[in-house]
């Protein structure tokens, strides 16, 4: 009887001890400092990977309105100059090649021997969302960007004037306000709001959400599975979700090998036998 009572006491002691540990862990959770927008921006920029060029091997799962495909390939980026992407259907034969610069988009489709040479209107039509070169580059490299301003001076001014910040779900949340100025002739950008969720530990962007309330379309981007790269953190997984009234496109990217600041070759030649996409 005495032995049984001792066992009960021991059992209760273990429960109380474990409970107190759990409470202690909750109490020890680090409080997030309430930084202003400029401070959050400076910390994110300070923790971005410094690079001149990227070379990335990737695999991707693409879901276009329920039609699913898997591809793999190589992506190369020369900062602020060019993005080169080779796409293969999984068995080594190149299906498509893409070369994007700040003012042009070129694409070769080897499947049907066609090509495109023009501007960003082609990609915007494909993805049903208006992006420029610098927004695309920032998304692919987990870098800070503002949809309405890219150069450093205007970006900071835009953040202070048009963004709010708060702490939400243990992350910093930056959110833009719609610009209703009639002087702005760009009807798409002035009606797009942008949210960025930033982790307080590494000051990395974990989620971006953009909504075009005039066209009723959205783009959601999630970054995850961070790895160590050149004394920094870089996401291996990038999930994009494009939504419109009539379509949904989901792209799940996984980076399997990332090299920084190595020579980035970007061969691109259009065969004379290929026909232009109209």
Foldseek 3Di string as FASTA:
>chain_A
DVVVVVVVVVVVVVVVVVVVVVVVVVVPPDDFDDDFPVVLQVLLVVQFDDFQKKKFWKKKWKAKQNDIAIWTWIWMDGPQAKIWTWIGRPPPDTQKIWIDHQAWIKMAGPVQQAIAIGGCVVVCVVLVHDDGPQVVVCQVRQHDDDRVDHDPVVGVVQQVPFWGWDQDPQWIKIKGDAAPDPVDPPLQRNQKMKIWTAHSPSSTTAKMKIARVVQGKIKIKGFDDWDDDPNHTTGQWIWIWIDGPVIIMIMIMGTDDMDGHDDDDRDDDRDPPGHYDD
